[in-house]
Amino acid sequence: MVTAAVAHLAAAAAYAGFQVTVRLVVYPQLATAAEAGAAQRFAVLEAAHGRRVARLVGPLFAALVGTTAWLVVAAPAGERPLALVAAACTAVVLGVTALGAVPQHRRLGRGWDGAAHRRLLRWDAVRAGAAVLQVGVALVLLL
């Protein structure tokens, strides 16, 4: 169980660090670029963002899903509820990404849309919150 918890903490912390960076740095920078005159070329900027992020988020999602599954399987009965909370956090991250963030990115891929960007930020706040909560759960499981 300890090895699974350590692996999960590493994956959860890596993903949370990535997601919080995206939320606090990358997404605001997209709006700044649009406001600075790149709105007419925003589809190009969004496409480049998507390609670059995919190189990171794919392996991070794989690590998060894999270590979450390992954690749930390895957790003794007394720690199973916390392992299931970690699994719920993973489900929220994946679900919000698929159902919330991806549609907004698709909209932004057609050009700058301030309303779509604001929706993306709201969805992303949920995703970042779930990621940070998951790190907390992983830490509790190790204590």
N, C-alpha and C. Protein backbone atom coordinates (compact mmCIF):
# COMPACT_ATOMS: atom_id res chain seq x y z
N MET A 1 0.82 -1.20 0.00
CA MET A 1 0.00 0.00 0.00
C MET A 1 0.87 1.27 0.00
N VAL A 2 1.96 1.26 0.75
CA VAL A 2 2.80 2.46 0.84
C VAL A 2 3.36 2.82 -0.53
N THR A 3 3.81 1.84 -1.27
CA THR A 3 4.37 2.11 -2.59
C THR A 3 3.31 2.71 -3.52
N ALA A 4 2.11 2.17 -3.47
CA ALA A 4 1.02 2.70 -4.29
C ALA A 4 0.69 4.14 -3.87
N ALA A 5 0.68 4.40 -2.57
CA ALA A 5 0.37 5.74 -2.08
C ALA A 5 1.45 6.75 -2.48
N VAL A 6 2.71 6.33 -2.41
CA VAL A 6 3.81 7.22 -2.82
C VAL A 6 3.72 7.50 -4.33
N ALA A 7 3.48 6.46 -5.10
CA ALA A 7 3.36 6.65 -6.56
C ALA A 7 2.19 7.56 -6.88
N HIS A 8 1.08 7.34 -6.17
CA HIS A 8 -0.09 8.19 -6.43
C HIS A 8 0.18 9.64 -6.01
N LEU A 9 0.83 9.84 -4.90
CA LEU A 9 1.16 11.20 -4.48
C LEU A 9 2.04 11.88 -5.53
N ALA A 10 3.00 11.17 -6.06
CA ALA A 10 3.88 11.76 -7.09
C ALA A 10 3.07 12.14 -8.33
N ALA A 11 2.21 11.24 -8.77
CA ALA A 11 1.40 11.53 -9.96
C ALA A 11 0.42 12.67 -9.70
N ALA A 12 -0.24 12.63 -8.54
CA ALA A 12 -1.21 13.67 -8.21
C ALA A 12 -0.55 15.03 -8.06
N ALA A 13 0.62 15.07 -7.43
CA ALA A 13 1.32 16.34 -7.26
C ALA A 13 1.82 16.87 -8.60
N ALA A 14 2.30 15.99 -9.46
CA ALA A 14 2.76 16.43 -10.78
C ALA A 14 1.59 17.00 -11.58
N TYR A 15 0.47 16.29 -11.55
CA TYR A 15 -0.69 16.80 -12.30
C TYR A 15 -1.21 18.11 -11.69
N ALA A 16 -1.32 18.17 -10.38
CA ALA A 16 -1.82 19.39 -9.73
C ALA A 16 -0.90 20.58 -10.04
N GLY A 17 0.40 20.36 -10.00
CA GLY A 17 1.33 21.43 -10.33
C GLY A 17 1.13 21.92 -11.76
N PHE A 18 0.96 20.98 -12.66
CA PHE A 18 0.68 21.32 -14.05
C PHE A 18 -0.62 22.12 -14.16
N GLN A 19 -1.67 21.61 -13.54
CA GLN A 19 -2.99 22.23 -13.70
C GLN A 19 -3.05 23.61 -13.07
N VAL A 20 -2.45 23.77 -11.92
CA VAL A 20 -2.44 25.08 -11.28
C VAL A 20 -1.62 26.07 -12.11
N THR A 21 -0.53 25.62 -12.71
CA THR A 21 0.26 26.48 -13.59
C THR A 21 -0.57 26.90 -14.80
N VAL A 22 -1.27 25.97 -15.39
CA VAL A 22 -2.14 26.31 -16.53
C VAL A 22 -3.18 27.33 -16.09
N ARG A 23 -3.78 27.10 -14.94
CA ARG A 23 -4.86 27.99 -14.46
C ARG A 23 -4.35 29.39 -14.15
N LEU A 24 -3.20 29.49 -13.51
CA LEU A 24 -2.71 30.78 -13.06
C LEU A 24 -1.83 31.52 -14.07
N VAL A 25 -1.23 30.77 -15.01
CA VAL A 25 -0.29 31.39 -15.94
C VAL A 25 -0.77 31.29 -17.39
N VAL A 26 -1.05 30.09 -17.85
CA VAL A 26 -1.30 29.88 -19.27
C VAL A 26 -2.64 30.48 -19.71
N TYR A 27 -3.71 30.14 -19.03
CA TYR A 27 -5.02 30.64 -19.46
C TYR A 27 -5.13 32.17 -19.38
N PRO A 28 -4.63 32.81 -18.32
CA PRO A 28 -4.64 34.27 -18.34
C PRO A 28 -3.79 34.84 -19.49
N GLN A 29 -2.70 34.16 -19.81
CA GLN A 29 -1.84 34.64 -20.89
C GLN A 29 -2.56 34.56 -22.23
N LEU A 30 -3.41 33.58 -22.41
CA LEU A 30 -4.19 33.50 -23.65
C LEU A 30 -5.06 34.74 -23.80
N ALA A 31 -5.71 35.15 -22.72
CA ALA A 31 -6.54 36.36 -22.77
C ALA A 31 -5.68 37.60 -23.03
N THR A 32 -4.53 37.66 -22.41
CA THR A 32 -3.63 38.79 -22.63
C THR A 32 -3.21 38.87 -24.09
N ALA A 33 -2.92 37.74 -24.68
CA ALA A 33 -2.53 37.73 -26.10
C ALA A 33 -3.66 38.23 -26.97
N ALA A 34 -4.87 37.79 -26.69
CA ALA A 34 -6.02 38.25 -27.48
C ALA A 34 -6.22 39.75 -27.33
N GLU A 35 -6.08 40.24 -26.11
CA GLU A 35 -6.27 41.66 -25.85
C GLU A 35 -5.15 42.51 -26.46
N ALA A 36 -3.99 41.91 -26.63
CA ALA A 36 -2.83 42.64 -27.17
C ALA A 36 -2.80 42.66 -28.69
N GLY A 37 -3.86 42.19 -29.31
CA GLY A 37 -3.94 42.27 -30.76
C GLY A 37 -3.81 40.95 -31.48
N ALA A 38 -3.69 39.86 -30.76
CA ALA A 38 -3.57 38.55 -31.41
C ALA A 38 -4.92 37.89 -31.64
N ALA A 39 -6.01 38.59 -31.39
CA ALA A 39 -7.33 37.99 -31.53
C ALA A 39 -7.56 37.44 -32.93
N GLN A 40 -7.07 38.15 -33.94
CA GLN A 40 -7.28 37.70 -35.31
C GLN A 40 -6.48 36.43 -35.62
N ARG A 41 -5.45 36.17 -34.85
CA ARG A 41 -4.64 34.95 -35.06
C ARG A 41 -4.81 33.97 -33.90
N PHE A 42 -5.86 34.14 -33.14
CA PHE A 42 -6.01 33.35 -31.92
C PHE A 42 -6.15 31.86 -32.21
N ALA A 43 -6.79 31.49 -33.30
CA ALA A 43 -6.94 30.06 -33.63
C ALA A 43 -5.58 29.39 -33.75
N VAL A 44 -4.61 30.10 -34.31
CA VAL A 44 -3.24 29.56 -34.45
C VAL A 44 -2.62 29.39 -33.06
N LEU A 45 -2.79 30.39 -32.21
CA LEU A 45 -2.27 30.34 -30.85
C LEU A 45 -2.90 29.19 -30.06
N GLU A 46 -4.19 29.04 -30.17
CA GLU A 46 -4.90 27.96 -29.46
C GLU A 46 -4.45 26.59 -29.96
N ALA A 47 -4.27 26.44 -31.26
CA ALA A 47 -3.80 25.16 -31.81
C ALA A 47 -2.41 24.82 -31.29
N ALA A 48 -1.53 25.81 -31.23
CA ALA A 48 -0.18 25.57 -30.71
C ALA A 48 -0.24 25.20 -29.23
N HIS A 49 -1.09 25.88 -28.49
CA HIS A 49 -1.27 25.56 -27.07
C HIS A 49 -1.72 24.09 -26.92
N GLY A 50 -2.70 23.70 -27.70
CA GLY A 50 -3.21 22.32 -27.62
C GLY A 50 -2.14 21.28 -27.91
N ARG A 51 -1.33 21.52 -28.92
CA ARG A 51 -0.26 20.56 -29.26
C ARG A 51 0.76 20.45 -28.13
N ARG A 52 1.14 21.58 -27.58
CA ARG A 52 2.16 21.59 -26.53
C ARG A 52 1.64 20.96 -25.24
N VAL A 53 0.43 21.29 -24.88
CA VAL A 53 -0.15 20.76 -23.64
C VAL A 53 -0.37 19.25 -23.74
N ALA A 54 -0.75 18.78 -24.91
CA ALA A 54 -1.01 17.34 -25.08
C ALA A 54 0.22 16.50 -24.75
N ARG A 55 1.40 17.03 -25.03
CA ARG A 55 2.63 16.29 -24.72
C ARG A 55 2.81 16.06 -23.22
N LEU A 56 2.25 16.95 -22.42
CA LEU A 56 2.34 16.83 -20.97
C LEU A 56 1.13 16.15 -20.36
N VAL A 57 -0.04 16.57 -20.79
CA VAL A 57 -1.25 16.11 -20.12
C VAL A 57 -1.52 14.62 -20.40
N GLY A 58 -1.17 14.13 -21.55
CA GLY A 58 -1.38 12.70 -21.84
C GLY A 58 -0.66 11.80 -20.85
N PRO A 59 0.66 11.96 -20.71
CA PRO A 59 1.37 11.14 -19.73
C PRO A 59 0.92 11.40 -18.28
N LEU A 60 0.58 12.65 -17.97
CA LEU A 60 0.10 12.93 -16.61
C LEU A 60 -1.23 12.25 -16.34
N PHE A 61 -2.14 12.28 -17.30
CA PHE A 61 -3.41 11.58 -17.12
C PHE A 61 -3.19 10.08 -16.98
N ALA A 62 -2.30 9.53 -17.79
CA ALA A 62 -2.01 8.10 -17.70
C ALA A 62 -1.46 7.74 -16.32
N ALA A 63 -0.54 8.54 -15.82
CA ALA A 63 0.02 8.28 -14.49
C ALA A 63 -1.04 8.43 -13.41
N LEU A 64 -1.88 9.43 -13.55
CA LEU A 64 -2.93 9.66 -12.56
C LEU A 64 -3.93 8.51 -12.54
N VAL A 65 -4.37 8.08 -13.69
CA VAL A 65 -5.33 6.97 -13.78
C VAL A 65 -4.70 5.67 -13.28
N GLY A 66 -3.47 5.41 -13.71
CA GLY A 66 -2.80 4.18 -13.30
C GLY A 66 -2.55 4.10 -11.81
N THR A 67 -2.05 5.18 -11.23
CA THR A 67 -1.76 5.15 -9.80
C THR A 67 -3.04 5.19 -8.96
N THR A 68 -4.08 5.84 -9.49
CA THR A 68 -5.36 5.82 -8.77
C THR A 68 -5.91 4.40 -8.72
N ALA A 69 -5.87 3.71 -9.83
CA ALA A 69 -6.35 2.32 -9.85
C ALA A 69 -5.53 1.46 -8.91
N TRP A 70 -4.22 1.62 -8.94
CA TRP A 70 -3.33 0.86 -8.06
C TRP A 70 -3.67 1.16 -6.61
N LEU A 71 -3.88 2.41 -6.29
CA LEU A 71 -4.20 2.82 -4.92
C LEU A 71 -5.50 2.17 -4.44
N VAL A 72 -6.52 2.19 -5.27
CA VAL A 72 -7.81 1.61 -4.88
C VAL A 72 -7.66 0.11 -4.65
N VAL A 73 -6.94 -0.57 -5.52
CA VAL A 73 -6.74 -2.02 -5.39
C VAL A 73 -5.90 -2.35 -4.16
N ALA A 74 -4.88 -1.54 -3.89
CA ALA A 74 -3.95 -1.85 -2.81
C ALA A 74 -4.43 -1.39 -1.43
N ALA A 75 -5.40 -0.53 -1.38
CA ALA A 75 -5.83 0.04 -0.10
C ALA A 75 -6.49 -1.01 0.78
N PRO A 76 -6.04 -1.08 2.04
CA PRO A 76 -6.74 -1.96 2.98
C PRO A 76 -8.14 -1.40 3.26
N ALA A 77 -8.99 -2.21 3.79
CA ALA A 77 -10.40 -1.84 4.00
C ALA A 77 -10.55 -0.50 4.72
N GLY A 78 -9.74 -0.25 5.73
CA GLY A 78 -9.85 0.98 6.50
C GLY A 78 -9.47 2.22 5.73
N GLU A 79 -8.66 2.06 4.69
CA GLU A 79 -8.22 3.20 3.89
C GLU A 79 -8.93 3.28 2.54
N ARG A 80 -9.78 2.31 2.29
CA ARG A 80 -10.49 2.28 1.01
C ARG A 80 -11.34 3.53 0.78
N PRO A 81 -12.05 4.06 1.80
CA PRO A 81 -12.85 5.27 1.53
C PRO A 81 -11.99 6.44 1.00
N LEU A 82 -10.81 6.64 1.58
CA LEU A 82 -9.95 7.71 1.08
C LEU A 82 -9.43 7.41 -0.33
N ALA A 83 -9.14 6.16 -0.59
CA ALA A 83 -8.70 5.79 -1.93
C ALA A 83 -9.84 6.05 -2.93
N LEU A 84 -11.06 5.84 -2.52
CA LEU A 84 -12.20 6.12 -3.40
C LEU A 84 -12.41 7.63 -3.59
N VAL A 85 -12.08 8.42 -2.58
CA VAL A 85 -12.12 9.88 -2.75
C VAL A 85 -11.08 10.28 -3.80
N ALA A 86 -9.89 9.68 -3.72
CA ALA A 86 -8.87 9.95 -4.73
C ALA A 86 -9.38 9.57 -6.13
N ALA A 87 -10.05 8.43 -6.21
CA ALA A 87 -10.61 7.99 -7.49
C ALA A 87 -11.68 8.98 -7.98
N ALA A 88 -12.49 9.49 -7.05
CA ALA A 88 -13.50 10.48 -7.43
C ALA A 88 -12.83 11.75 -7.96
N CYS A 89 -11.74 12.16 -7.34
CA CYS A 89 -11.00 13.34 -7.82
C CYS A 89 -10.50 13.11 -9.24
N THR A 90 -9.96 11.92 -9.50
CA THR A 90 -9.51 11.59 -10.84
C THR A 90 -10.67 11.65 -11.82
N ALA A 91 -11.81 11.10 -11.42
CA ALA A 91 -13.00 11.12 -12.28
C ALA A 91 -13.45 12.55 -12.56
N VAL A 92 -13.40 13.41 -11.56
CA VAL A 92 -13.78 14.81 -11.75
C VAL A 92 -12.83 15.47 -12.74
N VAL A 93 -11.53 15.27 -12.55
CA VAL A 93 -10.55 15.87 -13.46
C VAL A 93 -10.80 15.42 -14.90
N LEU A 94 -10.98 14.13 -15.10
CA LEU A 94 -11.19 13.62 -16.46
C LEU A 94 -12.53 14.07 -17.02
N GLY A 95 -13.57 14.01 -16.19
CA GLY A 95 -14.90 14.40 -16.65
C GLY A 95 -14.98 15.88 -16.99
N VAL A 96 -14.43 16.72 -16.13
CA VAL A 96 -14.44 18.16 -16.39
C VAL A 96 -13.60 18.49 -17.62
N THR A 97 -12.52 17.77 -17.80
CA THR A 97 -11.70 17.99 -19.00
C THR A 97 -12.51 17.66 -20.25
N ALA A 98 -13.11 16.47 -20.27
CA ALA A 98 -13.83 16.02 -21.45
C ALA A 98 -15.11 16.81 -21.72
N LEU A 99 -15.87 17.08 -20.67
CA LEU A 99 -17.19 17.68 -20.85
C LEU A 99 -17.20 19.21 -20.74
N GLY A 100 -16.18 19.77 -20.11
CA GLY A 100 -16.15 21.21 -19.89
C GLY A 100 -15.03 21.91 -20.63
N ALA A 101 -13.79 21.51 -20.36
CA ALA A 101 -12.65 22.23 -20.92
C ALA A 101 -12.49 21.99 -22.42
N VAL A 102 -12.58 20.75 -22.85
CA VAL A 102 -12.37 20.45 -24.27
C VAL A 102 -13.37 21.20 -25.16
N PRO A 103 -14.66 21.23 -24.84
CA PRO A 103 -15.57 22.02 -25.69
C PRO A 103 -15.21 23.50 -25.75
N GLN A 104 -14.72 24.05 -24.66
CA GLN A 104 -14.33 25.47 -24.68
C GLN A 104 -13.07 25.67 -25.53
N HIS A 105 -12.13 24.73 -25.43
CA HIS A 105 -10.94 24.81 -26.28
C HIS A 105 -11.32 24.69 -27.76
N ARG A 106 -12.29 23.83 -28.04
CA ARG A 106 -12.73 23.72 -29.44
C ARG A 106 -13.30 25.05 -29.93
N ARG A 107 -14.10 25.68 -29.09
CA ARG A 107 -14.66 26.98 -29.46
C ARG A 107 -13.55 27.99 -29.66
N LEU A 108 -12.59 28.03 -28.75
CA LEU A 108 -11.47 28.96 -28.88
C LEU A 108 -10.60 28.63 -30.10
N GLY A 109 -10.60 27.39 -30.50
CA GLY A 109 -9.85 26.99 -31.69
C GLY A 109 -10.40 27.60 -32.97
N ARG A 110 -11.63 28.11 -32.92
CA ARG A 110 -12.21 28.81 -34.09
C ARG A 110 -11.92 30.30 -34.05
N GLY A 111 -11.35 30.77 -32.94
CA GLY A 111 -11.03 32.19 -32.79
C GLY A 111 -11.35 32.66 -31.38
N TRP A 112 -10.83 33.79 -31.02
CA TRP A 112 -11.01 34.32 -29.66
C TRP A 112 -12.49 34.54 -29.37
N ASP A 113 -12.89 34.08 -28.19
CA ASP A 113 -14.26 34.24 -27.70
C ASP A 113 -14.15 34.44 -26.20
N GLY A 114 -14.36 35.67 -25.75
CA GLY A 114 -14.22 35.98 -24.33
C GLY A 114 -15.15 35.16 -23.45
N ALA A 115 -16.36 34.90 -23.91
CA ALA A 115 -17.31 34.11 -23.12
C ALA A 115 -16.81 32.66 -22.98
N ALA A 116 -16.29 32.10 -24.05
CA ALA A 116 -15.75 30.74 -23.99
C ALA A 116 -14.54 30.69 -23.05
N HIS A 117 -13.72 31.72 -23.09
CA HIS A 117 -12.57 31.77 -22.19
C HIS A 117 -13.02 31.83 -20.73
N ARG A 118 -14.04 32.63 -20.44
CA ARG A 118 -14.55 32.71 -19.07
C ARG A 118 -15.14 31.36 -18.63
N ARG A 119 -15.84 30.67 -19.54
CA ARG A 119 -16.35 29.33 -19.21
C ARG A 119 -15.19 28.36 -18.95
N LEU A 120 -14.16 28.46 -19.78
CA LEU A 120 -12.98 27.61 -19.59
C LEU A 120 -12.37 27.84 -18.21
N LEU A 121 -12.26 29.08 -17.80
CA LEU A 121 -11.70 29.38 -16.48
C LEU A 121 -12.56 28.80 -15.36
N ARG A 122 -13.88 28.85 -15.52
CA ARG A 122 -14.76 28.26 -14.49
C ARG A 122 -14.60 26.74 -14.42
N TRP A 123 -14.59 26.10 -15.59
CA TRP A 123 -14.38 24.65 -15.61
C TRP A 123 -13.01 24.32 -15.03
N ASP A 124 -12.03 25.11 -15.38
CA ASP A 124 -10.67 24.83 -14.93
C ASP A 124 -10.51 25.01 -13.43
N ALA A 125 -11.25 25.92 -12.85
CA ALA A 125 -11.20 26.09 -11.40
C ALA A 125 -11.66 24.80 -10.70
N VAL A 126 -12.68 24.16 -11.24
CA VAL A 126 -13.14 22.88 -10.68
C VAL A 126 -12.06 21.82 -10.84
N ARG A 127 -11.48 21.77 -12.02
CA ARG A 127 -10.44 20.78 -12.30
C ARG A 127 -9.22 20.99 -11.40
N ALA A 128 -8.77 22.22 -11.25
CA ALA A 128 -7.63 22.51 -10.39
C ALA A 128 -7.95 22.21 -8.93
N GLY A 129 -9.16 22.53 -8.50
CA GLY A 129 -9.58 22.22 -7.13
C GLY A 129 -9.56 20.73 -6.85
N ALA A 130 -10.07 19.94 -7.79
CA ALA A 130 -10.05 18.48 -7.63
C ALA A 130 -8.63 17.96 -7.59
N ALA A 131 -7.76 18.53 -8.39
CA ALA A 131 -6.35 18.10 -8.42
C ALA A 131 -5.65 18.40 -7.10
N VAL A 132 -5.89 19.59 -6.56
CA VAL A 132 -5.27 19.95 -5.28
C VAL A 132 -5.85 19.09 -4.15
N LEU A 133 -7.15 18.86 -4.16
CA LEU A 133 -7.76 17.98 -3.16
C LEU A 133 -7.15 16.59 -3.23
N GLN A 134 -6.91 16.11 -4.43
CA GLN A 134 -6.33 14.78 -4.58
C GLN A 134 -4.94 14.69 -3.96
N VAL A 135 -4.15 15.74 -4.06
CA VAL A 135 -2.84 15.75 -3.41
C VAL A 135 -3.02 15.66 -1.89
N GLY A 136 -3.98 16.39 -1.35
CA GLY A 136 -4.26 16.32 0.09
C GLY A 136 -4.67 14.92 0.52
N VAL A 137 -5.52 14.29 -0.26
CA VAL A 137 -5.94 12.91 0.05
C VAL A 137 -4.75 11.98 0.01
N ALA A 138 -3.90 12.13 -0.98
CA ALA A 138 -2.71 11.28 -1.09
C ALA A 138 -1.79 11.46 0.11
N LEU A 139 -1.65 12.70 0.57
CA LEU A 139 -0.83 12.95 1.75
C LEU A 139 -1.43 12.29 3.01
N VAL A 140 -2.73 12.41 3.16
CA VAL A 140 -3.40 11.79 4.32
C VAL A 140 -3.20 10.27 4.28
N LEU A 141 -3.27 9.69 3.11
CA LEU A 141 -3.08 8.24 3.00
C LEU A 141 -1.68 7.81 3.40
N LEU A 142 -0.72 8.70 3.26
CA LEU A 142 0.65 8.35 3.66
C LEU A 142 0.92 8.57 5.15
N LEU A 143 0.09 9.35 5.81
CA LEU A 143 0.32 9.64 7.23
C LEU A 143 -0.14 8.55 8.13
